[in-house]
PDB file of N, CA and C in Angstrom:
ATOM      1  N   MET A   1       0.813  -1.205   0.000  1.00  0.00           N
ATOM      2  CA  MET A   1       0.000   0.000   0.000  1.00  0.00           C
ATOM      3  C   MET A   1       0.852   1.263   0.000  1.00  0.00           C
ATOM      4  N   LEU A   2       1.987   1.223   0.689  1.00  0.00           N
ATOM      5  CA  LEU A   2       2.835   2.405   0.800  1.00  0.00           C
ATOM      6  C   LEU A   2       3.597   2.685  -0.484  1.00  0.00           C
ATOM      7  N   ILE A   3       4.141   1.638  -1.078  1.00  0.00           N
ATOM      8  CA  ILE A   3       4.965   1.804  -2.281  1.00  0.00           C
ATOM      9  C   ILE A   3       4.423   0.876  -3.365  1.00  0.00           C
ATOM     10  N   PRO A   4       3.437   1.329  -4.134  1.00  0.00           N
ATOM     11  CA  PRO A   4       2.836   0.462  -5.151  1.00  0.00           C
ATOM     12  C   PRO A   4       3.817  -0.010  -6.232  1.00  0.00           C
ATOM     13  N   ALA A   5       4.934   0.676  -6.389  1.00  0.00           N
ATOM     14  CA  ALA A   5       5.898   0.303  -7.424  1.00  0.00           C
ATOM     15  C   ALA A   5       6.752  -0.899  -7.030  1.00  0.00           C
ATOM     16  N   ILE A   6       6.550  -1.446  -5.842  1.00  0.00           N
ATOM     17  CA  ILE A   6       7.271  -2.664  -5.469  1.00  0.00           C
ATOM     18  C   ILE A   6       6.679  -3.813  -6.278  1.00  0.00           C
ATOM     19  N   VAL A   7       7.552  -4.506  -7.017  1.00  0.00           N
ATOM     20  CA  VAL A   7       7.089  -5.551  -7.927  1.00  0.00           C
ATOM     21  C   VAL A   7       7.478  -6.950  -7.478  1.00  0.00           C
ATOM     22  N   ASP A   8       8.359  -7.053  -6.478  1.00  0.00           N
ATOM     23  CA  ASP A   8       8.805  -8.367  -6.044  1.00  0.00           C
ATOM     24  C   ASP A   8       9.254  -8.281  -4.593  1.00  0.00           C
ATOM     25  N   VAL A   9       8.780  -9.205  -3.766  1.00  0.00           N
ATOM     26  CA  VAL A   9       9.201  -9.285  -2.374  1.00  0.00           C
ATOM     27  C   VAL A   9       9.384 -10.753  -2.022  1.00  0.00           C
ATOM     28  N   ASP A  10      10.535 -11.073  -1.458  1.00  0.00           N
ATOM     29  CA  ASP A  10      10.804 -12.414  -0.948  1.00  0.00           C
ATOM     30  C   ASP A  10      11.051 -12.306   0.547  1.00  0.00           C
ATOM     31  N   VAL A  11      10.173 -12.909   1.334  1.00  0.00           N
ATOM     32  CA  VAL A  11      10.342 -12.925   2.777  1.00  0.00           C
ATOM     33  C   VAL A  11      11.425 -13.946   3.095  1.00  0.00           C
ATOM     34  N   THR A  12      12.398 -13.541   3.882  1.00  0.00           N
ATOM     35  CA  THR A  12      13.498 -14.433   4.223  1.00  0.00           C
ATOM     36  C   THR A  12      13.069 -15.393   5.322  1.00  0.00           C
ATOM     37  N   ARG A  13      13.834 -16.438   5.501  1.00  0.00           N
ATOM     38  CA  ARG A  13      13.516 -17.409   6.555  1.00  0.00           C
ATOM     39  C   ARG A  13      13.769 -16.775   7.926  1.00  0.00           C
ATOM     40  N   PRO A  14      13.134 -17.307   8.966  1.00  0.00           N
ATOM     41  CA  PRO A  14      13.226 -16.686  10.293  1.00  0.00           C
ATOM     42  C   PRO A  14      14.632 -16.603  10.880  1.00  0.00           C
ATOM     43  N   SER A  15      15.497 -17.540  10.582  1.00  0.00           N
ATOM     44  CA  SER A  15      16.854 -17.473  11.118  1.00  0.00           C
ATOM     45  C   SER A  15      17.845 -17.562   9.966  1.00  0.00           C
ATOM     46  N   ARG A  16      19.058 -17.091  10.215  1.00  0.00           N
ATOM     47  CA  ARG A  16      20.090 -17.076   9.188  1.00  0.00           C
ATOM     48  C   ARG A  16      19.598 -16.343   7.935  1.00  0.00           C
ATOM     49  N   ASP A  17      18.983 -15.195   8.179  1.00  0.00           N
ATOM     50  CA  ASP A  17      18.393 -14.410   7.087  1.00  0.00           C
ATOM     51  C   ASP A  17      19.290 -13.279   6.617  1.00  0.00           C
ATOM     52  N   GLY A  18      20.528 -13.245   7.104  1.00  0.00           N
ATOM     53  CA  GLY A  18      21.437 -12.173   6.706  1.00  0.00           C
ATOM     54  C   GLY A  18      21.068 -10.843   7.316  1.00  0.00           C
ATOM     55  N   GLY A  19      20.248 -10.847   8.363  1.00  0.00           N
ATOM     56  CA  GLY A  19      19.863  -9.603   9.025  1.00  0.00           C
ATOM     57  C   GLY A  19      18.741  -8.864   8.329  1.00  0.00           C
ATOM     58  N   ARG A  20      18.085  -9.534   7.387  1.00  0.00           N
ATOM     59  CA  ARG A  20      16.980  -8.893   6.668  1.00  0.00           C
ATOM     60  C   ARG A  20      15.745  -9.767   6.791  1.00  0.00           C
ATOM     61  N   ASP A  21      14.576  -9.150   6.873  1.00  0.00           N
ATOM     62  CA  ASP A  21      13.338  -9.917   6.953  1.00  0.00           C
ATOM     63  C   ASP A  21      12.724 -10.140   5.577  1.00  0.00           C
ATOM     64  N   ALA A  22      13.101  -9.309   4.620  1.00  0.00           N
ATOM     65  CA  ALA A  22      12.643  -9.479   3.240  1.00  0.00           C
ATOM     66  C   ALA A  22      13.599  -8.732   2.321  1.00  0.00           C
ATOM     67  N   ILE A  23      13.630  -9.166   1.090  1.00  0.00           N
ATOM     68  CA  ILE A  23      14.347  -8.442   0.038  1.00  0.00           C
ATOM     69  C   ILE A  23      13.394  -8.307  -1.138  1.00  0.00           C
ATOM     70  N   GLY A  24      13.595  -7.291  -1.938  1.00  0.00           N
ATOM     71  CA  GLY A  24      12.682  -7.102  -3.049  1.00  0.00           C
ATOM     72  C   GLY A  24      13.207  -6.130  -4.077  1.00  0.00           C
ATOM     73  N   LYS A  25      12.315  -5.829  -5.026  1.00  0.00           N
ATOM     74  CA  LYS A  25      12.648  -4.910  -6.116  1.00  0.00           C
ATOM     75  C   LYS A  25      11.518  -3.901  -6.286  1.00  0.00           C
ATOM     76  N   MET A  26      11.916  -2.660  -6.549  1.00  0.00           N
ATOM     77  CA  MET A  26      10.974  -1.588  -6.830  1.00  0.00           C
ATOM     78  C   MET A  26      11.223  -1.104  -8.247  1.00  0.00           C
ATOM     79  N   LYS A  27      10.165  -0.935  -8.999  1.00  0.00           N
ATOM     80  CA  LYS A  27      10.264  -0.480 -10.388  1.00  0.00           C
ATOM     81  C   LYS A  27      10.186   1.043 -10.435  1.00  0.00           C
ATOM     82  N   ILE A  28      11.186   1.643 -11.076  1.00  0.00           N
ATOM     83  CA  ILE A  28      11.207   3.087 -11.258  1.00  0.00           C
ATOM     84  C   ILE A  28      11.130   3.358 -12.754  1.00  0.00           C
ATOM     85  N   GLY A  29      10.182   4.168 -13.152  1.00  0.00           N
ATOM     86  CA  GLY A  29      10.002   4.474 -14.567  1.00  0.00           C
ATOM     87  C   GLY A  29       8.935   3.599 -15.190  1.00  0.00           C
ATOM     88  N   ARG A  30       8.785   3.769 -16.514  1.00  0.00           N
ATOM     89  CA  ARG A  30       7.737   3.044 -17.242  1.00  0.00           C
ATOM     90  C   ARG A  30       8.310   2.443 -18.508  1.00  0.00           C
ATOM     91  N   GLY A  31       7.680   1.399 -18.945  1.00  0.00           N
ATOM     92  CA  GLY A  31       8.038   0.790 -20.222  1.00  0.00           C
ATOM     93  C   GLY A  31       9.459   0.263 -20.255  1.00  0.00           C
ATOM     94  N   HIS A  32      10.072   0.362 -21.439  1.00  0.00           N
ATOM     95  CA  HIS A  32      11.413  -0.191 -21.645  1.00  0.00           C
ATOM     96  C   HIS A  32      12.500   0.563 -20.886  1.00  0.00           C
ATOM     97  N   SER A  33      12.244   1.795 -20.503  1.00  0.00           N
ATOM     98  CA  SER A  33      13.280   2.557 -19.791  1.00  0.00           C
ATOM     99  C   SER A  33      13.223   2.354 -18.275  1.00  0.00           C
ATOM    100  N   ALA A  34      12.275   1.561 -17.794  1.00  0.00           N
ATOM    101  CA  ALA A  34      12.152   1.322 -16.353  1.00  0.00           C
ATOM    102  C   ALA A  34      13.361   0.550 -15.836  1.00  0.00           C
ATOM    103  N   VAL A  35      13.698   0.814 -14.586  1.00  0.00           N
ATOM    104  CA  VAL A  35      14.780   0.079 -13.929  1.00  0.00           C
ATOM    105  C   VAL A  35      14.245  -0.524 -12.631  1.00  0.00           C
ATOM    106  N   LEU A  36      14.863  -1.609 -12.220  1.00  0.00           N
ATOM    107  CA  LEU A  36      14.519  -2.240 -10.954  1.00  0.00           C
ATOM    108  C   LEU A  36      15.596  -1.917  -9.933  1.00  0.00           C
ATOM    109  N   VAL A  37      15.169  -1.478  -8.755  1.00  0.00           N
ATOM    110  CA  VAL A  37      16.091  -1.129  -7.678  1.00  0.00           C
ATOM    111  C   VAL A  37      15.849  -2.112  -6.534  1.00  0.00           C
ATOM    112  N   ASP A  38      16.927  -2.697  -6.032  1.00  0.00           N
ATOM    113  CA  ASP A  38      16.833  -3.661  -4.938  1.00  0.00           C
ATOM    114  C   ASP A  38      16.683  -2.963  -3.593  1.00  0.00           C
ATOM    115  N   PHE A  39      15.950  -3.616  -2.693  1.00  0.00           N
ATOM    116  CA  PHE A  39      15.859  -3.111  -1.334  1.00  0.00           C
ATOM    117  C   PHE A  39      15.906  -4.269  -0.344  1.00  0.00           C
ATOM    118  N   ALA A  40      16.265  -3.934   0.877  1.00  0.00           N
ATOM    119  CA  ALA A  40      16.230  -4.865   2.005  1.00  0.00           C
ATOM    120  C   ALA A  40      15.261  -4.299   3.028  1.00  0.00           C
ATOM    121  N   LEU A  41      14.461  -5.161   3.617  1.00  0.00           N
ATOM    122  CA  LEU A  41      13.464  -4.722   4.583  1.00  0.00           C
ATOM    123  C   LEU A  41      13.728  -5.390   5.925  1.00  0.00           C
ATOM    124  N   GLU A  42      13.640  -4.604   6.961  1.00  0.00           N
ATOM    125  CA  GLU A  42      13.751  -5.105   8.337  1.00  0.00           C
ATOM    126  C   GLU A  42      12.480  -4.703   9.061  1.00  0.00           C
ATOM    127  N   ALA A  43      11.847  -5.658   9.746  1.00  0.00           N
ATOM    128  CA  ALA A  43      10.614  -5.392  10.482  1.00  0.00           C
ATOM    129  C   ALA A  43      10.852  -5.616  11.969  1.00  0.00           C
ATOM    130  N   LYS A  44      10.382  -4.685  12.775  1.00  0.00           N
ATOM    131  CA  LYS A  44      10.514  -4.769  14.225  1.00  0.00           C
ATOM    132  C   LYS A  44       9.137  -4.610  14.848  1.00  0.00           C
ATOM    133  N   CYS A  45       8.651  -5.670  15.467  1.00  0.00           N
ATOM    134  CA  CYS A  45       7.356  -5.644  16.141  1.00  0.00           C
ATOM    135  C   CYS A  45       7.609  -5.342  17.617  1.00  0.00           C
ATOM    136  N   TYR A  46       7.593  -4.062  17.935  1.00  0.00           N
ATOM    137  CA  TYR A  46       7.875  -3.595  19.290  1.00  0.00           C
ATOM    138  C   TYR A  46       6.628  -2.934  19.866  1.00  0.00           C
ATOM    139  N   GLY A  47       6.533  -2.950  21.173  1.00  0.00           N
ATOM    140  CA  GLY A  47       5.475  -2.225  21.852  1.00  0.00           C
ATOM    141  C   GLY A  47       5.697  -0.731  21.706  1.00  0.00           C
ATOM    142  N   ILE A  48       4.658   0.034  21.884  1.00  0.00           N
ATOM    143  CA  ILE A  48       4.705   1.475  21.653  1.00  0.00           C
ATOM    144  C   ILE A  48       5.723   2.179  22.538  1.00  0.00           C
ATOM    145  N   GLY A  49       6.076   1.613  23.675  1.00  0.00           N
ATOM    146  CA  GLY A  49       7.059   2.232  24.557  1.00  0.00           C
ATOM    147  C   GLY A  49       8.495   1.807  24.289  1.00  0.00           C
ATOM    148  N   ASN A  50       8.719   0.966  23.302  1.00  0.00           N
ATOM    149  CA  ASN A  50      10.046   0.432  23.003  1.00  0.00           C
ATOM    150  C   ASN A  50      10.457   0.887  21.600  1.00  0.00           C
ATOM    151  N   SER A  51      11.467   1.721  21.510  1.00  0.00           N
ATOM    152  CA  SER A  51      11.856   2.277  20.210  1.00  0.00           C
ATOM    153  C   SER A  51      12.911   1.435  19.503  1.00  0.00           C
ATOM    154  N   VAL A  52      13.002   1.636  18.202  1.00  0.00           N
ATOM    155  CA  VAL A  52      14.090   1.074  17.406  1.00  0.00           C
ATOM    156  C   VAL A  52      15.275   2.001  17.604  1.00  0.00           C
ATOM    157  N   GLY A  53      16.378   1.437  18.044  1.00  0.00           N
ATOM    158  CA  GLY A  53      17.531   2.263  18.379  1.00  0.00           C
ATOM    159  C   GLY A  53      18.649   2.206  17.363  1.00  0.00           C
ATOM    160  N   VAL A  54      19.759   2.796  17.750  1.00  0.00           N
ATOM    161  CA  VAL A  54      20.940   2.878  16.883  1.00  0.00           C
ATOM    162  C   VAL A  54      21.435   1.488  16.500  1.00  0.00           C
ATOM    163  N   ARG A  55      21.436   0.561  17.447  1.00  0.00           N
ATOM    164  CA  ARG A  55      21.949  -0.790  17.172  1.00  0.00           C
ATOM    165  C   ARG A  55      21.164  -1.470  16.050  1.00  0.00           C
ATOM    166  N   GLU A  56      19.829  -1.428  16.126  1.00  0.00           N
ATOM    167  CA  GLU A  56      18.996  -2.062  15.109  1.00  0.00           C
ATOM    168  C   GLU A  56      19.149  -1.361  13.756  1.00  0.00           C
ATOM    169  N   MET A  57      19.216  -0.033  13.787  1.00  0.00           N
ATOM    170  CA  MET A  57      19.362   0.726  12.550  1.00  0.00           C
ATOM    171  C   MET A  57      20.725   0.447  11.919  1.00  0.00           C
ATOM    172  N   SER A  58      21.767   0.395  12.734  1.00  0.00           N
ATOM    173  CA  SER A  58      23.113   0.110  12.221  1.00  0.00           C
ATOM    174  C   SER A  58      23.172  -1.262  11.573  1.00  0.00           C
ATOM    175  N   ARG A  59      22.469  -2.195  12.154  1.00  0.00           N
ATOM    176  CA  ARG A  59      22.444  -3.550  11.582  1.00  0.00           C
ATOM    177  C   ARG A  59      21.839  -3.539  10.181  1.00  0.00           C
ATOM    178  N   LEU A  60      20.728  -2.828  10.006  1.00  0.00           N
ATOM    179  CA  LEU A  60      20.120  -2.737   8.672  1.00  0.00           C
ATOM    180  C   LEU A  60      21.074  -2.045   7.706  1.00  0.00           C
ATOM    181  N   ILE A  61      21.642  -0.936   8.112  1.00  0.00           N
ATOM    182  CA  ILE A  61      22.566  -0.197   7.252  1.00  0.00           C
ATOM    183  C   ILE A  61      23.727  -1.087   6.829  1.00  0.00           C
ATOM    184  N   SER A  62      24.261  -1.866   7.751  1.00  0.00           N
ATOM    185  CA  SER A  62      25.414  -2.717   7.430  1.00  0.00           C
ATOM    186  C   SER A  62      25.050  -3.852   6.482  1.00  0.00           C
ATOM    187  N   ARG A  63      23.785  -4.194   6.396  1.00  0.00           N
ATOM    188  CA  ARG A  63      23.341  -5.278   5.514  1.00  0.00           C
ATOM    189  C   ARG A  63      23.001  -4.809   4.104  1.00  0.00           C
ATOM    190  N   LEU A  64      22.943  -3.491   3.905  1.00  0.00           N
ATOM    191  CA  LEU A  64      22.609  -2.979   2.572  1.00  0.00           C
ATOM    192  C   LEU A  64      23.766  -3.227   1.609  1.00  0.00           C
ATOM    193  N   ARG A  65      23.415  -3.670   0.425  1.00  0.00           N
ATOM    194  CA  ARG A  65      24.418  -3.909  -0.602  1.00  0.00           C
ATOM    195  C   ARG A  65      24.487  -2.695  -1.527  1.00  0.00           C
ATOM    196  N   HIS A  66      25.474  -2.696  -2.397  1.00  0.00           N
ATOM    197  CA  HIS A  66      25.668  -1.605  -3.354  1.00  0.00           C
ATOM    198  C   HIS A  66      24.383  -1.352  -4.137  1.00  0.00           C
ATOM    199  N   ARG A  67      23.982  -0.099  -4.228  1.00  0.00           N
ATOM    200  CA  ARG A  67      22.801   0.355  -4.960  1.00  0.00           C
ATOM    201  C   ARG A  67      21.498  -0.205  -4.407  1.00  0.00           C
ATOM    202  N   GLN A  68      21.466  -0.482  -3.137  1.00  0.00           N
ATOM    203  CA  GLN A  68      20.278  -0.995  -2.480  1.00  0.00           C
ATOM    204  C   GLN A  68      19.810   0.041  -1.460  1.00  0.00           C
ATOM    205  N   PHE A  69      18.499   0.118  -1.264  1.00  0.00           N
ATOM    206  CA  PHE A  69      18.002   0.971  -0.197  1.00  0.00           C
ATOM    207  C   PHE A  69      17.326   0.091   0.839  1.00  0.00           C
ATOM    208  N   GLY A  70      17.111   0.654   2.010  1.00  0.00           N
ATOM    209  CA  GLY A  70      16.512  -0.101   3.095  1.00  0.00           C
ATOM    210  C   GLY A  70      15.153   0.435   3.468  1.00  0.00           C
ATOM    211  N   ILE A  71      14.321  -0.467   3.968  1.00  0.00           N
ATOM    212  CA  ILE A  71      13.019  -0.101   4.514  1.00  0.00           C
ATOM    213  C   ILE A  71      12.960  -0.678   5.918  1.00  0.00           C
ATOM    214  N   LEU A  72      12.723   0.169   6.903  1.00  0.00           N
ATOM    215  CA  LEU A  72      12.546  -0.277   8.277  1.00  0.00           C
ATOM    216  C   LEU A  72      11.090  -0.075   8.638  1.00  0.00           C
ATOM    217  N   VAL A  73      10.411  -1.153   8.982  1.00  0.00           N
ATOM    218  CA  VAL A  73       9.010  -1.088   9.394  1.00  0.00           C
ATOM    219  C   VAL A  73       8.956  -1.459  10.869  1.00  0.00           C
ATOM    220  N   THR A  74       8.307  -0.618  11.656  1.00  0.00           N
ATOM    221  CA  THR A  74       8.170  -0.909  13.079  1.00  0.00           C
ATOM    222  C   THR A  74       6.769  -0.565  13.572  1.00  0.00           C
ATOM    223  N   THR A  75       6.286  -1.383  14.487  1.00  0.00           N
ATOM    224  CA  THR A  75       5.001  -1.115  15.129  1.00  0.00           C
ATOM    225  C   THR A  75       5.160  -0.114  16.262  1.00  0.00           C
ATOM    226  N   SER A  76       6.336   0.457  16.373  1.00  0.00           N
ATOM    227  CA  SER A  76       6.641   1.443  17.403  1.00  0.00           C
ATOM    228  C   SER A  76       7.155   2.716  16.732  1.00  0.00           C
ATOM    229  N   PHE A  77       8.335   3.179  17.140  1.00  0.00           N
ATOM    230  CA  PHE A  77       8.923   4.386  16.575  1.00  0.00           C
ATOM    231  C   PHE A  77      10.433   4.244  16.595  1.00  0.00           C
ATOM    232  N   VAL A  78      11.115   5.150  15.891  1.00  0.00           N
ATOM    233  CA  VAL A  78      12.576   5.138  15.840  1.00  0.00           C
ATOM    234  C   VAL A  78      13.099   6.171  16.826  1.00  0.00           C
ATOM    235  N   ASP A  79      14.034   5.746  17.641  1.00  0.00           N
ATOM    236  CA  ASP A  79      14.705   6.614  18.597  1.00  0.00           C
ATOM    237  C   ASP A  79      15.255   7.846  17.870  1.00  0.00           C
ATOM    238  N   SER A  80      15.196   9.001  18.509  1.00  0.00           N
ATOM    239  CA  SER A  80      15.616  10.247  17.857  1.00  0.00           C
ATOM    240  C   SER A  80      17.080  10.224  17.432  1.00  0.00           C
ATOM    241  N   GLN A  81      17.954   9.615  18.219  1.00  0.00           N
ATOM    242  CA  GLN A  81      19.367   9.551  17.835  1.00  0.00           C
ATOM    243  C   GLN A  81      19.558   8.696  16.589  1.00  0.00           C
ATOM    244  N   ALA A  82      18.882   7.551  16.523  1.00  0.00           N
ATOM    245  CA  ALA A  82      18.992   6.674  15.351  1.00  0.00           C
ATOM    246  C   ALA A  82      18.459   7.385  14.107  1.00  0.00           C
ATOM    247  N   TYR A  83      17.332   8.072  14.251  1.00  0.00           N
ATOM    248  CA  TYR A  83      16.744   8.774  13.108  1.00  0.00           C
ATOM    249  C   TYR A  83      17.652   9.909  12.648  1.00  0.00           C
ATOM    250  N   ARG A  84      18.182  10.655  13.599  1.00  0.00           N
ATOM    251  CA  ARG A  84      19.080  11.763  13.270  1.00  0.00           C
ATOM    252  C   ARG A  84      20.312  11.255  12.517  1.00  0.00           C
ATOM    253  N   GLU A  85      20.859  10.120  12.939  1.00  0.00           N
ATOM    254  CA  GLU A  85      22.041   9.572  12.276  1.00  0.00           C
ATOM    255  C   GLU A  85      21.765   9.145  10.837  1.00  0.00           C
ATOM    256  N   ILE A  86      20.613   8.520  10.593  1.00  0.00           N
ATOM    257  CA  ILE A  86      20.350   8.119   9.199  1.00  0.00           C
ATOM    258  C   ILE A  86      20.134   9.345   8.309  1.00  0.00           C
ATOM    259  N   LYS A  87      19.557  10.389   8.864  1.00  0.00           N
ATOM    260  CA  LYS A  87      19.345  11.610   8.083  1.00  0.00           C
ATOM    261  C   LYS A  87      20.654  12.368   7.864  1.00  0.00           C
ATOM    262  N   GLU A  88      21.427  12.569   8.924  1.00  0.00           N
ATOM    263  CA  GLU A  88      22.684  13.314   8.807  1.00  0.00           C
ATOM    264  C   GLU A  88      23.683  12.609   7.895  1.00  0.00           C
ATOM    265  N   ASP A  89      23.722  11.277   7.969  1.00  0.00           N
ATOM    266  CA  ASP A  89      24.655  10.510   7.143  1.00  0.00           C
ATOM    267  C   ASP A  89      24.076  10.147   5.778  1.00  0.00           C
ATOM    268  N   GLN A  90      22.847  10.561   5.527  1.00  0.00           N
ATOM    269  CA  GLN A  90      22.156  10.361   4.253  1.00  0.00           C
ATOM    270  C   GLN A  90      22.089   8.896   3.831  1.00  0.00           C
ATOM    271  N   HIS A  91      21.781   8.033   4.798  1.00  0.00           N
ATOM    272  CA  HIS A  91      21.587   6.625   4.482  1.00  0.00           C
ATOM    273  C   HIS A  91      20.268   6.467   3.735  1.00  0.00           C
ATOM    274  N   PRO A  92      20.231   5.626   2.716  1.00  0.00           N
ATOM    275  CA  PRO A  92      18.997   5.439   1.940  1.00  0.00           C
ATOM    276  C   PRO A  92      18.026   4.498   2.653  1.00  0.00           C
ATOM    277  N   ILE A  93      17.415   4.999   3.716  1.00  0.00           N
ATOM    278  CA  ILE A  93      16.503   4.203   4.534  1.00  0.00           C
ATOM    279  C   ILE A  93      15.130   4.877   4.561  1.00  0.00           C
ATOM    280  N   VAL A  94      14.099   4.104   4.251  1.00  0.00           N
ATOM    281  CA  VAL A  94      12.723   4.552   4.405  1.00  0.00           C
ATOM    282  C   VAL A  94      12.233   4.011   5.739  1.00  0.00           C
ATOM    283  N   VAL A  95      11.736   4.883   6.603  1.00  0.00           N
ATOM    284  CA  VAL A  95      11.232   4.474   7.912  1.00  0.00           C
ATOM    285  C   VAL A  95       9.705   4.495   7.871  1.00  0.00           C
ATOM    286  N   VAL A  96       9.118   3.372   8.257  1.00  0.00           N
ATOM    287  CA  VAL A  96       7.663   3.255   8.360  1.00  0.00           C
ATOM    288  C   VAL A  96       7.365   2.885   9.810  1.00  0.00           C
ATOM    289  N   SER A  97       6.830   3.853  10.558  1.00  0.00           N
ATOM    290  CA  SER A  97       6.562   3.644  11.986  1.00  0.00           C
ATOM    291  C   SER A  97       5.078   3.363  12.208  1.00  0.00           C
ATOM    292  N   ALA A  98       4.726   3.153  13.475  1.00  0.00           N
ATOM    293  CA  ALA A  98       3.348   2.810  13.832  1.00  0.00           C
ATOM    294  C   ALA A  98       2.338   3.811  13.280  1.00  0.00           C
ATOM    295  N   ILE A  99       2.614   5.095  13.423  1.00  0.00           N
ATOM    296  CA  ILE A  99       1.656   6.097  12.943  1.00  0.00           C
ATOM    297  C   ILE A  99       1.528   6.054  11.423  1.00  0.00           C
ATOM    298  N   ASP A 100       2.623   5.743  10.736  1.00  0.00           N
ATOM    299  CA  ASP A 100       2.561   5.607   9.275  1.00  0.00           C
ATOM    300  C   ASP A 100       1.674   4.424   8.882  1.00  0.00           C
ATOM    301  N   ILE A 101       1.813   3.320   9.609  1.00  0.00           N
ATOM    302  CA  ILE A 101       0.992   2.134   9.334  1.00  0.00           C
ATOM    303  C   ILE A 101      -0.483   2.475   9.518  1.00  0.00           C
ATOM    304  N   VAL A 102      -0.804   3.160  10.602  1.00  0.00           N
ATOM    305  CA  VAL A 102      -2.196   3.564  10.854  1.00  0.00           C
ATOM    306  C   VAL A 102      -2.694   4.462   9.733  1.00  0.00           C
ATOM    307  N   ASP A 103      -1.914   5.463   9.344  1.00  0.00           N
ATOM    308  CA  ASP A 103      -2.318   6.384   8.279  1.00  0.00           C
ATOM    309  C   ASP A 103      -2.532   5.662   6.947  1.00  0.00           C
ATOM    310  N   ILE A 104      -1.646   4.737   6.630  1.00  0.00           N
ATOM    311  CA  ILE A 104      -1.770   3.978   5.376  1.00  0.00           C
ATOM    312  C   ILE A 104      -3.041   3.134   5.386  1.00  0.00           C
ATOM    313  N   LEU A 105      -3.276   2.438   6.483  1.00  0.00           N
ATOM    314  CA  LEU A 105      -4.489   1.614   6.574  1.00  0.00           C
ATOM    315  C   LEU A 105      -5.747   2.473   6.470  1.00  0.00           C
ATOM    316  N   ARG A 106      -5.775   3.586   7.185  1.00  0.00           N
ATOM    317  CA  ARG A 106      -6.950   4.477   7.120  1.00  0.00           C
ATOM    318  C   ARG A 106      -7.174   5.017   5.710  1.00  0.00           C
ATOM    319  N   SER A 107      -6.093   5.394   5.039  1.00  0.00           N
ATOM    320  CA  SER A 107      -6.242   5.966   3.695  1.00  0.00           C
ATOM    321  C   SER A 107      -6.729   4.940   2.674  1.00  0.00           C
ATOM    322  N   HIS A 108      -6.645   3.669   3.018  1.00  0.00           N
ATOM    323  CA  HIS A 108      -7.136   2.610   2.136  1.00  0.00           C
ATOM    324  C   HIS A 108      -8.442   2.004   2.640  1.00  0.00           C
ATOM    325  N   GLY A 109      -9.135   2.735   3.520  1.00  0.00           N
ATOM    326  CA  GLY A 109     -10.462   2.330   3.962  1.00  0.00           C
ATOM    327  C   GLY A 109     -10.495   1.341   5.108  1.00  0.00           C
ATOM    328  N   HIS A 110      -9.383   1.165   5.793  1.00  0.00           N
ATOM    329  CA  HIS A 110      -9.332   0.231   6.923  1.00  0.00           C
ATOM    330  C   HIS A 110      -9.121   1.041   8.202  1.00  0.00           C
ATOM    331  N   GLY A 111     -10.164   1.764   8.608  1.00  0.00           N
ATOM    332  CA  GLY A 111     -10.028   2.764   9.663  1.00  0.00           C
ATOM    333  C   GLY A 111     -10.301   2.306  11.076  1.00  0.00           C
ATOM    334  N   ASP A 112     -10.700   1.052  11.273  1.00  0.00           N
ATOM    335  CA  ASP A 112     -10.911   0.570  12.639  1.00  0.00           C
ATOM    336  C   ASP A 112     -10.462  -0.883  12.737  1.00  0.00           C
ATOM    337  N   VAL A 113     -10.469  -1.409  13.938  1.00  0.00           N
ATOM    338  CA  VAL A 113      -9.948  -2.757  14.179  1.00  0.00           C
ATOM    339  C   VAL A 113     -10.693  -3.801  13.352  1.00  0.00           C
ATOM    340  N   ASP A 114     -12.014  -3.698  13.291  1.00  0.00           N
ATOM    341  CA  ASP A 114     -12.789  -4.688  12.527  1.00  0.00           C
ATOM    342  C   ASP A 114     -12.461  -4.629  11.039  1.00  0.00           C
ATOM    343  N   ALA A 115     -12.300  -3.428  10.516  1.00  0.00           N
ATOM    344  CA  ALA A 115     -11.963  -3.286   9.098  1.00  0.00           C
ATOM    345  C   ALA A 115     -10.578  -3.854   8.800  1.00  0.00           C
ATOM    346  N   VAL A 116      -9.638  -3.628   9.691  1.00  0.00           N
ATOM    347  CA  VAL A 116      -8.292  -4.184   9.514  1.00  0.00           C
ATOM    348  C   VAL A 116      -8.351  -5.701   9.596  1.00  0.00           C
ATOM    349  N   ARG A 117      -9.091  -6.228  10.549  1.00  0.00           N
ATOM    350  CA  ARG A 117      -9.221  -7.679  10.697  1.00  0.00           C
ATOM    351  C   ARG A 117      -9.823  -8.300   9.431  1.00  0.00           C
ATOM    352  N   ARG A 118     -10.881  -7.694   8.886  1.00  0.00           N
ATOM    353  CA  ARG A 118     -11.501  -8.212   7.651  1.00  0.00           C
ATOM    354  C   ARG A 118     -10.512  -8.181   6.497  1.00  0.00           C
ATOM    355  N   TRP A 119      -9.770  -7.089   6.382  1.00  0.00           N
ATOM    356  CA  TRP A 119      -8.771  -6.973   5.309  1.00  0.00           C
ATOM    357  C   TRP A 119      -7.689  -8.039   5.450  1.00  0.00           C
ATOM    358  N   LEU A 120      -7.183  -8.243   6.672  1.00  0.00           N
ATOM    359  CA  LEU A 120      -6.139  -9.247   6.897  1.00  0.00           C
ATOM    360  C   LEU A 120      -6.639 -10.654   6.525  1.00  0.00           C
ATOM    361  N   VAL A 121      -7.848 -10.978   6.929  1.00  0.00           N
ATOM    362  CA  VAL A 121      -8.402 -12.299   6.604  1.00  0.00           C
ATOM    363  C   VAL A 121      -8.558 -12.453   5.090  1.00  0.00           C
ATOM    364  N   ALA A 122      -9.102 -11.435   4.451  1.00  0.00           N
ATOM    365  CA  ALA A 122      -9.313 -11.516   3.000  1.00  0.00           C
ATOM    366  C   ALA A 122      -7.998 -11.568   2.213  1.00  0.00           C
ATOM    367  N   GLU A 123      -7.020 -10.824   2.659  1.00  0.00           N
ATOM    368  CA  GLU A 123      -5.768 -10.684   1.922  1.00  0.00           C
ATOM    369  C   GLU A 123      -4.767 -11.809   2.181  1.00  0.00           C
ATOM    370  N   PHE A 124      -4.755 -12.318   3.406  1.00  0.00           N
ATOM    371  CA  PHE A 124      -3.680 -13.233   3.795  1.00  0.00           C
ATOM    372  C   PHE A 124      -4.147 -14.608   4.252  1.00  0.00           C
ATOM    373  N   ARG A 125      -5.356 -14.958   3.975  1.00  0.00           N
ATOM    374  CA  ARG A 125      -5.869 -16.268   4.373  1.00  0.00           C
ATOM    375  C   ARG A 125      -5.348 -17.332   3.487  1.00  0.00           C
TER     376      ARG A 125
END
C-alpha cells in the first residue's frame, strides 16, 4: 500500500536471514526505460514504549548492498538519535513507523480494528 511500485518481495527465513526480513525490487520508470532497484526490509514488532535504536538501525545499514536501499518497518517508533544519524549521514533508509501504518491503513479504507481484521483475513488467508 505504501509503495505500489514494489514488484517483487521475498520474505526471508526466520533465522540465518542475513539480518533482513525481506528483500525485493521496486520499479522506477515506465516501459522499456524502467529500472529495478533492490531493497532490504527489516521489520521490528515492538510495543509502543520500546523504540528502534541505533543498534537495530546500524544492523540494517550494514546489511545494505551496493545500490540498495533499506526499509525499516516498526510497530513502534525510531529513537531520535537513530533517526538523526540516518538523516545526517544520508543513508537510503525509508522508515515506516506505527503512525505511518495507521495512516496507510486508514487511507485505504481500513479505519478501525474490525476493518483491519476483515482486510487481513481476505488478503492473507
